[in-house]
């Protein structure tokens, strides 16, 4: 696979992860499978809205679905997705802490 195509695919995954609702869904699913109903209760977001985001995450291969009777359970397809999101969150928290220190220093001058 050419590098250019790999970067294009990488950008597509990043676009998929660029929505706060989808990131919240991934965060909730990191501990195990959940139904749409459970995600609705946990996140306080309408079912139709969560279903749309799950469809996109599933289409991009970020989550997988498993049917058990009448219920469909969604889970993370690859635990490295959660690791990647966690790393980005850690970088953001470090940047915010640095910015807060700088602001505190400016106020104390």
N, C-alpha and C. Protein backbone atom coordinates (compact mmCIF):
# COMPACT_ATOMS: atom_id res chain seq x y z
N UNK A 1 0.84 -1.18 0.00
CA UNK A 1 0.00 0.00 0.00
C UNK A 1 0.89 1.24 0.00
N UNK A 2 0.59 2.15 -0.87
CA UNK A 2 1.39 3.37 -0.95
C UNK A 2 1.16 4.23 0.29
N UNK A 3 2.20 4.99 0.66
CA UNK A 3 2.12 5.86 1.83
C UNK A 3 0.99 6.88 1.71
N UNK A 4 0.79 7.40 0.51
CA UNK A 4 -0.25 8.40 0.31
C UNK A 4 -1.62 7.84 0.68
N UNK A 5 -1.91 6.62 0.25
CA UNK A 5 -3.19 6.00 0.55
C UNK A 5 -3.34 5.73 2.05
N UNK A 6 -2.23 5.33 2.68
CA UNK A 6 -2.26 5.09 4.11
C UNK A 6 -2.58 6.38 4.87
N UNK A 7 -1.99 7.50 4.44
CA UNK A 7 -2.29 8.78 5.08
C UNK A 7 -3.74 9.20 4.85
N UNK A 8 -4.27 8.89 3.68
CA UNK A 8 -5.68 9.19 3.41
C UNK A 8 -6.59 8.40 4.34
N UNK A 9 -6.29 7.12 4.52
CA UNK A 9 -7.08 6.29 5.43
C UNK A 9 -6.94 6.78 6.87
N UNK A 10 -5.73 7.18 7.24
CA UNK A 10 -5.47 7.72 8.57
C UNK A 10 -6.33 8.97 8.80
N UNK A 11 -6.38 9.83 7.80
CA UNK A 11 -7.18 11.06 7.91
C UNK A 11 -8.66 10.72 8.06
N UNK A 12 -9.14 9.69 7.39
CA UNK A 12 -10.54 9.28 7.50
C UNK A 12 -10.87 8.82 8.92
N UNK A 13 -9.96 8.05 9.51
CA UNK A 13 -10.18 7.61 10.89
C UNK A 13 -10.19 8.82 11.82
N UNK A 14 -9.27 9.75 11.60
CA UNK A 14 -9.22 10.96 12.44
C UNK A 14 -10.50 11.78 12.29
N UNK A 15 -11.04 11.87 11.08
CA UNK A 15 -12.31 12.58 10.88
C UNK A 15 -13.43 11.90 11.66
N UNK A 16 -13.41 10.59 11.65
CA UNK A 16 -14.43 9.84 12.37
C UNK A 16 -14.34 10.13 13.87
N UNK A 17 -13.14 10.28 14.36
CA UNK A 17 -12.92 10.53 15.79
C UNK A 17 -13.03 12.01 16.16
N UNK A 18 -13.31 12.86 15.19
CA UNK A 18 -13.29 14.31 15.44
C UNK A 18 -14.61 14.86 15.98
N UNK A 19 -15.49 14.00 16.41
CA UNK A 19 -16.77 14.45 16.94
C UNK A 19 -16.86 14.13 18.43
N UNK A 20 -17.21 15.12 19.26
CA UNK A 20 -17.25 14.90 20.71
C UNK A 20 -18.22 13.79 21.14
N UNK A 21 -19.34 13.65 20.46
CA UNK A 21 -20.28 12.59 20.83
C UNK A 21 -19.67 11.23 20.54
N UNK A 22 -19.02 11.08 19.41
CA UNK A 22 -18.39 9.80 19.09
C UNK A 22 -17.27 9.49 20.08
N UNK A 23 -16.53 10.51 20.50
CA UNK A 23 -15.48 10.29 21.50
C UNK A 23 -16.07 9.86 22.83
N UNK A 24 -17.21 10.43 23.19
CA UNK A 24 -17.88 10.03 24.43
C UNK A 24 -18.36 8.58 24.33
N UNK A 25 -18.87 8.20 23.17
CA UNK A 25 -19.31 6.82 22.96
C UNK A 25 -18.12 5.87 23.11
N UNK A 26 -17.02 6.19 22.49
CA UNK A 26 -15.82 5.36 22.58
C UNK A 26 -15.38 5.25 24.04
N UNK A 27 -15.42 6.36 24.74
CA UNK A 27 -15.03 6.37 26.15
C UNK A 27 -15.92 5.43 26.97
N UNK A 28 -17.21 5.45 26.72
CA UNK A 28 -18.13 4.58 27.46
C UNK A 28 -17.92 3.11 27.10
N UNK A 29 -17.58 2.84 25.85
CA UNK A 29 -17.43 1.46 25.40
C UNK A 29 -16.08 0.85 25.78
N UNK A 30 -15.18 1.65 26.31
CA UNK A 30 -13.86 1.12 26.62
C UNK A 30 -13.89 0.04 27.71
N UNK A 31 -14.92 0.07 28.54
CA UNK A 31 -15.02 -0.92 29.62
C UNK A 31 -15.85 -2.15 29.23
N UNK A 32 -16.40 -2.15 28.02
CA UNK A 32 -17.17 -3.31 27.58
C UNK A 32 -18.34 -2.92 26.71
N UNK A 33 -19.00 -3.91 26.20
CA UNK A 33 -20.12 -3.72 25.29
C UNK A 33 -21.31 -3.05 25.99
N UNK A 34 -22.06 -2.30 25.19
CA UNK A 34 -23.28 -1.66 25.69
C UNK A 34 -24.31 -1.62 24.57
N UNK A 35 -25.57 -1.58 24.96
CA UNK A 35 -26.65 -1.40 23.99
C UNK A 35 -26.85 0.09 23.76
N UNK A 36 -27.60 0.42 22.72
CA UNK A 36 -27.93 1.82 22.45
C UNK A 36 -28.67 2.41 23.64
N UNK A 37 -29.61 1.64 24.21
CA UNK A 37 -30.37 2.11 25.36
C UNK A 37 -29.49 2.46 26.54
N UNK A 38 -28.49 1.63 26.80
CA UNK A 38 -27.56 1.90 27.90
C UNK A 38 -26.74 3.15 27.63
N UNK A 39 -26.33 3.34 26.37
CA UNK A 39 -25.58 4.56 26.01
C UNK A 39 -26.46 5.80 26.16
N UNK A 40 -27.72 5.69 25.79
CA UNK A 40 -28.66 6.81 25.94
C UNK A 40 -28.73 7.22 27.41
N UNK A 41 -28.90 6.26 28.30
CA UNK A 41 -28.99 6.55 29.74
C UNK A 41 -27.69 7.15 30.26
N UNK A 42 -26.59 6.60 29.85
CA UNK A 42 -25.27 7.03 30.35
C UNK A 42 -24.90 8.42 29.85
N UNK A 43 -25.19 8.70 28.57
CA UNK A 43 -24.75 9.95 27.96
C UNK A 43 -25.82 11.04 27.96
N UNK A 44 -27.07 10.64 28.14
CA UNK A 44 -28.14 11.64 28.11
C UNK A 44 -28.36 12.25 26.74
N UNK A 45 -28.17 11.45 25.72
CA UNK A 45 -28.33 11.89 24.33
C UNK A 45 -29.44 11.06 23.71
N UNK A 46 -30.22 11.68 22.83
CA UNK A 46 -31.34 10.97 22.18
C UNK A 46 -30.87 9.72 21.45
N UNK A 47 -31.74 8.70 21.45
CA UNK A 47 -31.41 7.42 20.82
C UNK A 47 -31.08 7.57 19.34
N UNK A 48 -31.85 8.36 18.63
CA UNK A 48 -31.60 8.53 17.19
C UNK A 48 -30.22 9.11 16.94
N UNK A 49 -29.82 10.04 17.79
CA UNK A 49 -28.51 10.69 17.65
C UNK A 49 -27.38 9.69 17.91
N UNK A 50 -27.53 8.92 18.96
CA UNK A 50 -26.50 7.91 19.27
C UNK A 50 -26.44 6.86 18.17
N UNK A 51 -27.59 6.45 17.68
CA UNK A 51 -27.63 5.44 16.61
C UNK A 51 -26.90 5.93 15.36
N UNK A 52 -27.08 7.20 15.01
CA UNK A 52 -26.38 7.76 13.85
C UNK A 52 -24.86 7.69 14.04
N UNK A 53 -24.41 8.08 15.22
CA UNK A 53 -22.97 8.06 15.49
C UNK A 53 -22.43 6.64 15.53
N UNK A 54 -23.19 5.71 16.12
CA UNK A 54 -22.76 4.32 16.13
C UNK A 54 -22.66 3.76 14.72
N UNK A 55 -23.59 4.15 13.85
CA UNK A 55 -23.55 3.68 12.46
C UNK A 55 -22.26 4.14 11.78
N UNK A 56 -21.89 5.39 12.01
CA UNK A 56 -20.65 5.89 11.40
C UNK A 56 -19.44 5.18 11.99
N UNK A 57 -19.41 5.02 13.31
CA UNK A 57 -18.28 4.33 13.94
C UNK A 57 -18.18 2.89 13.46
N UNK A 58 -19.31 2.27 13.25
CA UNK A 58 -19.33 0.88 12.76
C UNK A 58 -18.85 0.82 11.31
N UNK A 59 -19.33 1.76 10.51
CA UNK A 59 -18.95 1.80 9.09
C UNK A 59 -17.44 1.98 8.94
N UNK A 60 -16.85 2.76 9.83
CA UNK A 60 -15.40 3.02 9.77
C UNK A 60 -14.58 1.95 10.50
N UNK A 61 -15.27 0.97 11.09
CA UNK A 61 -14.56 -0.13 11.74
C UNK A 61 -14.07 0.18 13.13
N UNK A 62 -14.56 1.25 13.73
CA UNK A 62 -14.13 1.62 15.08
C UNK A 62 -14.88 0.79 16.12
N UNK A 63 -16.17 0.54 15.87
CA UNK A 63 -16.94 -0.32 16.77
C UNK A 63 -17.49 -1.50 15.99
N UNK A 64 -17.84 -2.53 16.75
CA UNK A 64 -18.46 -3.72 16.16
C UNK A 64 -19.79 -3.93 16.87
N UNK A 65 -20.66 -4.66 16.22
CA UNK A 65 -21.98 -4.93 16.79
C UNK A 65 -22.18 -6.43 16.91
N UNK A 66 -22.89 -6.81 17.98
CA UNK A 66 -23.20 -8.22 18.22
C UNK A 66 -24.65 -8.30 18.66
N UNK A 67 -25.40 -9.15 17.97
CA UNK A 67 -26.82 -9.32 18.31
C UNK A 67 -26.97 -10.47 19.30
N UNK A 68 -27.79 -10.22 20.32
CA UNK A 68 -28.11 -11.25 21.30
C UNK A 68 -29.61 -11.15 21.56
N UNK A 69 -30.38 -12.00 20.90
CA UNK A 69 -31.84 -11.91 20.99
C UNK A 69 -32.32 -10.62 20.34
N UNK A 70 -33.04 -9.83 21.11
CA UNK A 70 -33.56 -8.55 20.59
C UNK A 70 -32.55 -7.41 20.73
N UNK A 71 -31.50 -7.63 21.50
CA UNK A 71 -30.54 -6.57 21.78
C UNK A 71 -29.34 -6.62 20.83
N UNK A 72 -28.85 -5.44 20.52
CA UNK A 72 -27.59 -5.32 19.78
C UNK A 72 -26.60 -4.66 20.72
N UNK A 73 -25.48 -5.32 20.90
CA UNK A 73 -24.42 -4.81 21.77
C UNK A 73 -23.30 -4.25 20.92
N UNK A 74 -22.84 -3.05 21.28
CA UNK A 74 -21.75 -2.40 20.58
C UNK A 74 -20.51 -2.43 21.44
N UNK A 75 -19.39 -2.67 20.78
CA UNK A 75 -18.11 -2.69 21.48
C UNK A 75 -17.01 -2.15 20.59
N UNK A 76 -15.90 -1.86 21.19
CA UNK A 76 -14.74 -1.35 20.45
C UNK A 76 -14.15 -2.50 19.62
N UNK A 77 -13.88 -2.23 18.36
CA UNK A 77 -13.37 -3.29 17.48
C UNK A 77 -11.90 -3.60 17.71
N UNK A 78 -11.15 -2.59 18.15
CA UNK A 78 -9.72 -2.78 18.39
C UNK A 78 -9.32 -1.91 19.58
N UNK A 79 -8.79 -2.51 20.65
CA UNK A 79 -8.45 -1.74 21.85
C UNK A 79 -7.44 -0.62 21.60
N UNK A 80 -6.72 -0.69 20.51
CA UNK A 80 -5.76 0.37 20.19
C UNK A 80 -6.46 1.70 19.90
N UNK A 81 -7.73 1.64 19.48
CA UNK A 81 -8.51 2.86 19.27
C UNK A 81 -8.63 3.62 20.59
N UNK A 82 -8.94 2.89 21.66
CA UNK A 82 -9.07 3.50 22.98
C UNK A 82 -7.72 4.06 23.43
N UNK A 83 -6.65 3.32 23.18
CA UNK A 83 -5.31 3.80 23.54
C UNK A 83 -4.98 5.10 22.82
N UNK A 84 -5.31 5.15 21.52
CA UNK A 84 -5.03 6.35 20.73
C UNK A 84 -5.80 7.55 21.29
N UNK A 85 -7.07 7.36 21.59
CA UNK A 85 -7.88 8.45 22.15
C UNK A 85 -7.35 8.88 23.50
N UNK A 86 -6.94 7.92 24.32
CA UNK A 86 -6.39 8.23 25.65
C UNK A 86 -5.09 9.03 25.54
N UNK A 87 -4.25 8.66 24.60
CA UNK A 87 -2.99 9.39 24.41
C UNK A 87 -3.25 10.84 24.00
N UNK A 88 -4.17 11.04 23.10
CA UNK A 88 -4.51 12.40 22.66
C UNK A 88 -5.07 13.19 23.84
N UNK A 89 -5.92 12.57 24.64
CA UNK A 89 -6.50 13.24 25.81
C UNK A 89 -5.40 13.62 26.80
N UNK A 90 -4.42 12.74 27.01
CA UNK A 90 -3.30 13.03 27.91
C UNK A 90 -2.50 14.22 27.42
N UNK A 91 -2.24 14.28 26.12
CA UNK A 91 -1.51 15.42 25.55
C UNK A 91 -2.30 16.71 25.78
N UNK A 92 -3.60 16.66 25.55
CA UNK A 92 -4.44 17.85 25.77
C UNK A 92 -4.41 18.30 27.22
N UNK A 93 -4.52 17.36 28.15
CA UNK A 93 -4.48 17.70 29.57
C UNK A 93 -3.15 18.33 29.94
N UNK A 94 -2.05 17.79 29.42
CA UNK A 94 -0.73 18.37 29.68
C UNK A 94 -0.63 19.79 29.13
N UNK A 95 -1.17 20.01 27.94
CA UNK A 95 -1.16 21.35 27.36
C UNK A 95 -1.99 22.32 28.19
N UNK A 96 -3.16 21.87 28.64
CA UNK A 96 -4.01 22.72 29.48
C UNK A 96 -3.32 23.08 30.80
N UNK A 97 -2.65 22.10 31.41
CA UNK A 97 -1.93 22.36 32.65
C UNK A 97 -0.82 23.37 32.42
N UNK A 98 -0.11 23.22 31.31
CA UNK A 98 0.97 24.16 30.98
C UNK A 98 0.39 25.56 30.77
N UNK A 99 -0.71 25.65 30.05
CA UNK A 99 -1.35 26.95 29.82
C UNK A 99 -1.80 27.58 31.12
N UNK A 100 -2.33 26.77 32.04
CA UNK A 100 -2.77 27.29 33.34
C UNK A 100 -1.59 27.82 34.14
N UNK A 101 -0.46 27.10 34.09
CA UNK A 101 0.75 27.58 34.80
C UNK A 101 1.21 28.90 34.21
N UNK A 102 1.20 29.01 32.91
CA UNK A 102 1.64 30.25 32.26
C UNK A 102 0.71 31.39 32.64
N UNK A 103 -0.59 31.14 32.65
CA UNK A 103 -1.56 32.18 33.02
C UNK A 103 -1.35 32.59 34.48
N UNK A 104 -1.08 31.63 35.36
CA UNK A 104 -0.84 31.95 36.77
C UNK A 104 0.40 32.80 36.92
N UNK A 105 1.44 32.48 36.15
CA UNK A 105 2.68 33.26 36.20
C UNK A 105 2.44 34.68 35.72
N UNK A 106 1.65 34.83 34.67
CA UNK A 106 1.35 36.16 34.13
C UNK A 106 0.57 36.98 35.16
N UNK A 107 -0.38 36.37 35.84
CA UNK A 107 -1.18 37.08 36.85
C UNK A 107 -0.32 37.50 38.05
N UNK A 108 0.70 36.71 38.35
CA UNK A 108 1.54 37.00 39.52
C UNK A 108 2.65 38.00 39.24
N UNK A 109 2.78 38.43 38.01
CA UNK A 109 3.83 39.40 37.67
C UNK A 109 3.47 40.78 38.10
